[in-house]
Amino acid sequence: MDIIGYIGKRLLHLIPILLGITLLTFGLMYLSPSDPAERLLISQGMVPDPEVLAKMRNEMGLDKPFIVQYGVWMKDILTGNMGISYMTGRPVFTELLTHLPYTVALAGSSILLTIFLAIPLGILAAVKQNKWIDYLIRLATFIGTSIPGFFLSLLLIYVFALQLKLLPVIEEQGFKSIILPTITLAIPMTSKYIRQVRAAILDELGKDYVKGARTRGVRERVILFAHVLRNALLTIITLLGISLGSLLGGTAIVETIFMWPGLGKMAIDAIGQRDYVLLQGYVIWMALIFVTVNLLTDLCYRLLDPRVKLDKEVA
């Protein structure tokens, strides 16, 4: 199956998934005890007396059956109208675009730092298996994966912002303001990546083609970087796909602690304000990101390893 046909088939398979997500999202908001019309009136500074509330519910279509409301909502979503945020009074799509660059910047810096650290350290731990450097790296990864994100955030703030006064905490000061949240996200990801890279490299080093290359006198460095690392890239790409989807959806705890105005903090604020319209838009964004990243990950598999059959991955 060619690439274009595979993409088309995958997109067809994603349609019922996305429909299910939208139905579940709208259904949960529909069952919420809070009244969207009341929230909208309050956000506009109006007193929600029964007469005004009934008129607003009629204008918003909230007095119609569930399936009718869902149909109208889906029609608006497909035309790019995600509704108006109760918090800001601006279109939800505009809110997502406003917060998206901050999340993309934080996700990109975290991924780059993770790759820069994890791949060489993972290779080093594999090459020096069961030596002191391997034990030291494995101990560091164990600590990195064990520390909760919120505690790590507070620890970094205490050390680098309060004690050493090297970095800002919450105010935006250009490049410096992204350093602490980047490190906070990169530490657990790097720890997880190192362990996976080490395992993948060790698995490849034990295969017959490596033994054959060594018997032919191929240099160890050539074997490692020209063959072993290339074959281990599939594991790394899988990790990147999972991490990128989560990061682009916004990392709520880290963004909230550092007051980073990304999608995660936006979602937390929307929950606090019961801005259900904005939350619906956020969930749809998350769904689109994950299905897109999964599709791109599968395509990268095919490009890196032609032996991967695309038509068998559609199941």
Protein backbone atom coordinates (compact mmCIF):
# COMPACT_ATOMS: atom_id res chain seq x y z
CA MET A 1 0.00 0.00 0.00
CA ASP A 2 1.41 3.44 -0.95
CA ILE A 3 1.75 6.33 1.49
CA ILE A 4 -1.21 8.33 0.12
CA GLY A 5 -3.55 5.34 0.28
CA TYR A 6 -2.41 4.53 3.80
CA ILE A 7 -3.00 8.09 4.99
CA GLY A 8 -6.48 8.10 3.44
CA LYS A 9 -7.37 4.78 5.07
CA ARG A 10 -6.12 5.95 8.46
CA LEU A 11 -8.11 9.17 8.20
CA LEU A 12 -11.27 7.18 7.47
CA HIS A 13 -10.61 5.06 10.57
CA LEU A 14 -10.15 8.21 12.66
CA ILE A 15 -13.57 9.65 11.79
CA PRO A 16 -15.58 7.41 14.20
CA ILE A 17 -12.95 7.95 16.90
CA LEU A 18 -13.23 11.72 16.65
CA LEU A 19 -17.02 11.53 16.54
CA GLY A 20 -16.99 9.40 19.69
CA ILE A 21 -14.73 11.90 21.44
CA THR A 22 -16.92 14.85 20.50
CA LEU A 23 -20.07 12.99 21.59
CA LEU A 24 -18.51 12.07 24.93
CA THR A 25 -17.20 15.60 25.48
CA PHE A 26 -20.51 17.27 24.69
CA GLY A 27 -22.40 14.68 26.75
CA LEU A 28 -20.30 15.31 29.86
CA MET A 29 -20.76 19.06 29.54
CA TYR A 30 -24.49 18.54 28.97
CA LEU A 31 -24.77 16.53 32.20
CA SER A 32 -22.83 19.14 34.16
CA PRO A 33 -24.85 20.69 37.01
CA SER A 34 -23.75 24.19 35.99
CA ASP A 35 -25.99 26.11 33.59
CA PRO A 36 -24.03 27.58 30.63
CA ALA A 37 -26.60 30.36 30.22
CA GLU A 38 -26.23 31.33 33.87
CA ARG A 39 -22.44 31.30 33.60
CA LEU A 40 -22.58 33.48 30.50
CA LEU A 41 -24.85 36.02 32.17
CA ILE A 42 -22.63 36.17 35.24
CA SER A 43 -19.53 36.64 33.07
CA GLN A 44 -21.28 39.60 31.44
CA GLY A 45 -22.04 41.13 34.83
CA MET A 46 -25.79 40.50 34.63
CA VAL A 47 -28.09 39.12 37.32
CA PRO A 48 -29.49 35.77 36.13
CA ASP A 49 -33.14 36.26 37.16
CA PRO A 50 -35.57 33.56 35.90
CA GLU A 51 -36.99 35.61 33.01
CA VAL A 52 -33.62 36.70 31.63
CA LEU A 53 -32.22 33.21 32.19
CA ALA A 54 -35.05 31.58 30.26
CA LYS A 55 -34.58 34.01 27.37
CA MET A 56 -30.83 33.35 27.30
CA ARG A 57 -31.35 29.58 27.36
CA ASN A 58 -33.69 29.91 24.39
CA GLU A 59 -31.18 32.03 22.46
CA MET A 60 -28.41 29.51 23.17
CA GLY A 61 -30.62 26.58 22.18
CA LEU A 62 -30.32 24.95 25.60
CA ASP A 63 -34.05 24.25 25.74
CA LYS A 64 -33.80 21.87 22.77
CA PRO A 65 -33.28 18.07 23.02
CA PHE A 66 -29.75 16.76 23.53
CA ILE A 67 -29.34 15.34 20.03
CA VAL A 68 -30.41 18.65 18.47
CA GLN A 69 -27.96 20.60 20.62
CA TYR A 70 -25.19 18.16 19.70
CA GLY A 71 -25.98 18.46 15.99
CA VAL A 72 -25.88 22.26 16.11
CA TRP A 73 -22.64 22.18 18.09
CA MET A 74 -21.00 19.76 15.64
CA LYS A 75 -22.09 21.91 12.70
CA ASP A 76 -20.47 24.92 14.32
CA ILE A 77 -17.29 22.95 15.09
CA LEU A 78 -16.96 21.79 11.48
CA THR A 79 -17.26 25.41 10.29
CA GLY A 80 -14.61 26.59 12.73
CA ASN A 81 -16.98 28.09 15.29
CA MET A 82 -16.13 26.65 18.72
CA GLY A 83 -18.23 29.14 20.63
CA ILE A 84 -17.43 32.09 22.87
CA SER A 85 -15.36 31.77 26.05
CA TYR A 86 -17.20 32.76 29.21
CA MET A 87 -13.98 33.99 30.83
CA THR A 88 -12.77 36.37 28.14
CA GLY A 89 -15.74 36.87 25.84
CA ARG A 90 -13.53 35.97 22.88
CA PRO A 91 -13.97 33.08 20.41
CA VAL A 92 -12.62 29.76 21.70
CA PHE A 93 -10.57 29.28 18.54
CA THR A 94 -8.89 32.63 19.17
CA GLU A 95 -8.13 31.60 22.75
CA LEU A 96 -6.52 28.36 21.58
CA LEU A 97 -4.39 30.20 19.03
CA THR A 98 -3.37 32.76 21.66
CA HIS A 99 -2.09 30.14 24.12
CA LEU A 100 -0.75 27.67 21.53
CA PRO A 101 2.60 29.43 20.77
CA TYR A 102 3.57 29.30 24.46
CA THR A 103 2.84 25.58 24.63
CA VAL A 104 4.69 24.91 21.34
CA ALA A 105 7.73 26.82 22.61
CA LEU A 106 7.76 24.93 25.91
CA ALA A 107 7.19 21.56 24.21
CA GLY A 108 9.91 22.21 21.64
CA SER A 109 12.52 23.29 24.18
CA SER A 110 11.73 20.31 26.42
CA ILE A 111 11.96 17.81 23.56
CA LEU A 112 15.24 19.28 22.30
CA LEU A 113 16.83 19.21 25.75
CA THR A 114 15.60 15.66 26.30
CA ILE A 115 17.04 14.40 23.00
CA PHE A 116 20.32 16.25 23.58
CA LEU A 117 20.78 14.50 26.93
CA ALA A 118 19.01 11.16 26.57
CA ILE A 119 20.52 9.75 23.38
CA PRO A 120 24.23 10.15 24.28
CA LEU A 121 23.67 9.11 27.91
CA GLY A 122 21.58 6.11 26.85
CA ILE A 123 24.26 5.02 24.39
CA LEU A 124 26.99 5.53 27.00
CA ALA A 125 25.09 3.45 29.57
CA ALA A 126 24.64 0.64 27.04
CA VAL A 127 28.26 0.64 25.87
CA LYS A 128 29.51 0.72 29.49
CA GLN A 129 27.01 -1.90 30.67
CA ASN A 130 27.43 -2.94 34.32
CA LYS A 131 30.29 -0.50 34.88
CA TRP A 132 30.28 2.38 37.36
CA ILE A 133 29.14 4.94 34.78
CA ASP A 134 26.21 2.69 33.83
CA TYR A 135 25.17 2.32 37.48
CA LEU A 136 25.47 6.07 38.01
CA ILE A 137 23.30 6.89 34.98
CA ARG A 138 20.70 4.28 35.98
CA LEU A 139 20.56 5.70 39.51
CA ALA A 140 20.03 9.20 38.12
CA THR A 141 17.22 7.97 35.84
CA PHE A 142 15.55 6.20 38.75
CA ILE A 143 15.57 9.42 40.78
CA GLY A 144 14.40 11.47 37.78
CA THR A 145 11.38 9.27 37.11
CA SER A 146 10.46 9.05 40.81
CA ILE A 147 10.22 12.77 41.62
CA PRO A 148 6.67 14.14 41.20
CA GLY A 149 6.40 17.03 38.76
CA PHE A 150 4.99 19.52 41.24
CA PHE A 151 7.73 18.76 43.79
CA LEU A 152 10.44 19.07 41.14
CA SER A 153 8.98 22.43 40.07
CA LEU A 154 9.03 23.77 43.61
CA LEU A 155 12.54 22.41 44.21
CA LEU A 156 13.91 24.13 41.11
CA ILE A 157 12.19 27.37 42.05
CA TYR A 158 13.65 27.22 45.56
CA VAL A 159 17.21 26.52 44.37
CA PHE A 160 17.56 28.59 41.19
CA ALA A 161 15.09 31.42 41.79
CA LEU A 162 14.95 31.97 45.56
CA GLN A 163 18.39 30.86 46.74
CA LEU A 164 20.71 31.49 43.79
CA LYS A 165 18.49 34.18 42.21
CA LEU A 166 19.63 33.15 38.74
CA LEU A 167 16.25 32.68 37.08
CA PRO A 168 12.80 34.27 37.33
CA VAL A 169 9.84 32.37 38.74
CA ILE A 170 6.71 33.63 37.06
CA GLU A 171 7.37 36.95 35.36
CA GLU A 172 8.11 36.90 31.66
CA GLN A 173 11.67 38.00 30.98
CA GLY A 174 12.38 36.62 27.56
CA PHE A 175 14.44 33.47 27.27
CA LYS A 176 15.07 33.10 31.01
CA SER A 177 11.39 32.61 31.82
CA ILE A 178 11.20 29.33 29.89
CA ILE A 179 14.29 27.70 31.40
CA LEU A 180 12.80 26.38 34.66
CA PRO A 181 9.61 24.89 33.15
CA THR A 182 11.72 23.35 30.38
CA ILE A 183 14.05 21.68 32.87
CA THR A 184 11.08 20.51 34.94
CA LEU A 185 9.54 18.76 31.94
CA ALA A 186 12.84 17.49 30.54
CA ILE A 187 14.12 15.73 33.67
CA PRO A 188 11.48 12.96 33.88
CA MET A 189 11.34 12.61 30.08
CA THR A 190 15.13 12.35 29.86
CA SER A 191 15.19 9.70 32.58
CA LYS A 192 12.58 7.63 30.76
CA TYR A 193 14.28 8.07 27.38
CA ILE A 194 17.72 7.06 28.71
CA ARG A 195 16.37 3.77 30.01
CA GLN A 196 14.57 3.02 26.75
CA VAL A 197 17.54 4.01 24.58
CA ARG A 198 19.87 1.88 26.72
CA ALA A 199 17.57 -1.14 26.41
CA ALA A 200 17.17 -0.67 22.64
CA ILE A 201 20.92 -0.31 22.08
CA LEU A 202 21.70 -3.38 24.21
CA ASP A 203 19.12 -5.38 22.27
CA GLU A 204 20.67 -4.38 18.94
CA LEU A 205 24.24 -5.02 20.14
CA GLY A 206 23.33 -8.65 20.85
CA LYS A 207 22.05 -9.36 17.33
CA ASP A 208 23.87 -11.40 14.70
CA TYR A 209 24.55 -8.54 12.28
CA VAL A 210 26.63 -6.78 14.96
CA LYS A 211 28.65 -9.94 15.60
CA GLY A 212 29.17 -10.34 11.86
CA ALA A 213 30.35 -6.76 11.48
CA ARG A 214 32.82 -7.22 14.32
CA THR A 215 34.27 -10.37 12.77
CA ARG A 216 34.79 -8.46 9.51
CA GLY A 217 36.83 -5.88 11.39
CA VAL A 218 34.32 -3.01 11.20
CA ARG A 219 35.17 -0.35 13.74
CA GLU A 220 32.98 -0.30 16.85
CA ARG A 221 32.07 3.35 16.36
CA VAL A 222 30.84 2.68 12.83
CA ILE A 223 28.76 -0.28 14.02
CA LEU A 224 27.26 1.77 16.82
CA PHE A 225 26.33 4.95 14.97
CA ALA A 226 25.78 3.71 11.42
CA HIS A 227 23.78 0.56 12.20
CA VAL A 228 22.79 0.06 15.84
CA LEU A 229 21.56 3.60 16.48
CA ARG A 230 19.58 3.66 13.23
CA ASN A 231 17.75 0.46 14.14
CA ALA A 232 17.10 1.75 17.66
CA LEU A 233 15.49 4.94 16.31
CA LEU A 234 12.07 3.23 16.11
CA THR A 235 11.96 3.07 19.91
CA ILE A 236 12.99 6.71 20.19
CA ILE A 237 10.35 7.82 17.69
CA THR A 238 7.65 6.00 19.65
CA LEU A 239 8.67 7.87 22.79
CA LEU A 240 8.80 11.16 20.91
CA GLY A 241 5.29 10.65 19.56
CA ILE A 242 3.85 10.00 23.01
CA SER A 243 5.72 12.89 24.60
CA LEU A 244 4.95 15.37 21.84
CA GLY A 245 1.22 14.66 21.97
CA SER A 246 1.13 15.21 25.73
CA LEU A 247 3.27 18.34 25.60
CA LEU A 248 1.28 19.99 22.80
CA GLY A 249 -1.88 19.42 24.82
CA GLY A 250 -0.33 21.51 27.56
CA THR A 251 1.27 20.37 30.79
CA ALA A 252 -1.21 21.72 33.28
CA ILE A 253 0.73 21.35 36.55
CA VAL A 254 4.01 22.81 35.31
CA GLU A 255 2.36 25.65 33.39
CA THR A 256 0.21 26.55 36.39
CA ILE A 257 3.09 26.55 38.88
CA PHE A 258 5.28 28.71 36.66
CA MET A 259 2.33 30.80 35.45
CA TRP A 260 3.25 29.90 31.89
CA PRO A 261 0.33 31.03 29.67
CA GLY A 262 0.04 27.83 27.64
CA LEU A 263 -2.88 25.53 26.87
CA GLY A 264 -2.50 23.57 30.12
CA LYS A 265 -2.88 26.63 32.32
CA MET A 266 -5.74 27.81 30.12
CA ALA A 267 -7.55 24.51 30.74
CA ILE A 268 -7.02 24.73 34.50
CA ASP A 269 -8.37 28.29 34.54
CA ALA A 270 -11.35 27.18 32.45
CA ILE A 271 -12.13 24.42 34.94
CA GLY A 272 -11.99 26.89 37.83
CA GLN A 273 -14.31 29.29 36.01
CA ARG A 274 -16.54 26.50 34.68
CA ASP A 275 -15.91 27.72 31.16
CA TYR A 276 -17.29 24.58 29.54
CA VAL A 277 -17.23 26.00 26.02
CA LEU A 278 -13.49 26.58 26.26
CA LEU A 279 -12.98 23.13 27.77
CA GLN A 280 -14.83 21.52 24.87
CA GLY A 281 -12.55 23.27 22.42
CA TYR A 282 -9.50 22.18 24.42
CA VAL A 283 -10.57 18.51 24.41
CA ILE A 284 -11.11 18.59 20.65
CA TRP A 285 -7.66 20.11 20.22
CA MET A 286 -6.14 17.33 22.36
CA ALA A 287 -7.88 14.66 20.28
CA LEU A 288 -6.69 16.15 17.00
CA ILE A 289 -3.12 16.43 18.27
CA PHE A 290 -2.93 12.81 19.42
CA VAL A 291 -4.40 11.30 16.25
CA THR A 292 -2.14 13.49 14.10
CA VAL A 293 0.99 12.62 16.07
CA ASN A 294 0.13 8.89 15.94
CA LEU A 295 -0.27 9.09 12.17
CA LEU A 296 3.03 10.93 11.73
CA THR A 297 4.76 8.41 14.00
CA ASP A 298 3.57 5.51 11.85
CA LEU A 299 4.79 7.29 8.72
CA CYS A 300 8.21 7.82 10.31
CA TYR A 301 8.32 4.06 11.01
CA ARG A 302 7.88 3.41 7.30
CA LEU A 303 10.54 5.90 6.27
CA LEU A 304 13.12 4.56 8.72
CA ASP A 305 12.36 0.89 8.20
CA PRO A 306 10.92 -0.10 4.80
CA ARG A 307 10.23 -3.57 6.22
CA VAL A 308 7.30 -2.09 8.18
CA LYS A 309 4.14 -2.82 6.21
CA LEU A 310 1.72 0.09 6.33
CA ASP A 311 -1.31 -1.99 5.40
CA LYS A 312 -0.74 -4.17 8.47
CA GLU A 313 -0.66 -1.22 10.85
CA VAL A 314 -4.17 -0.08 10.19
CA ALA A 315 -5.78 -2.65 12.48
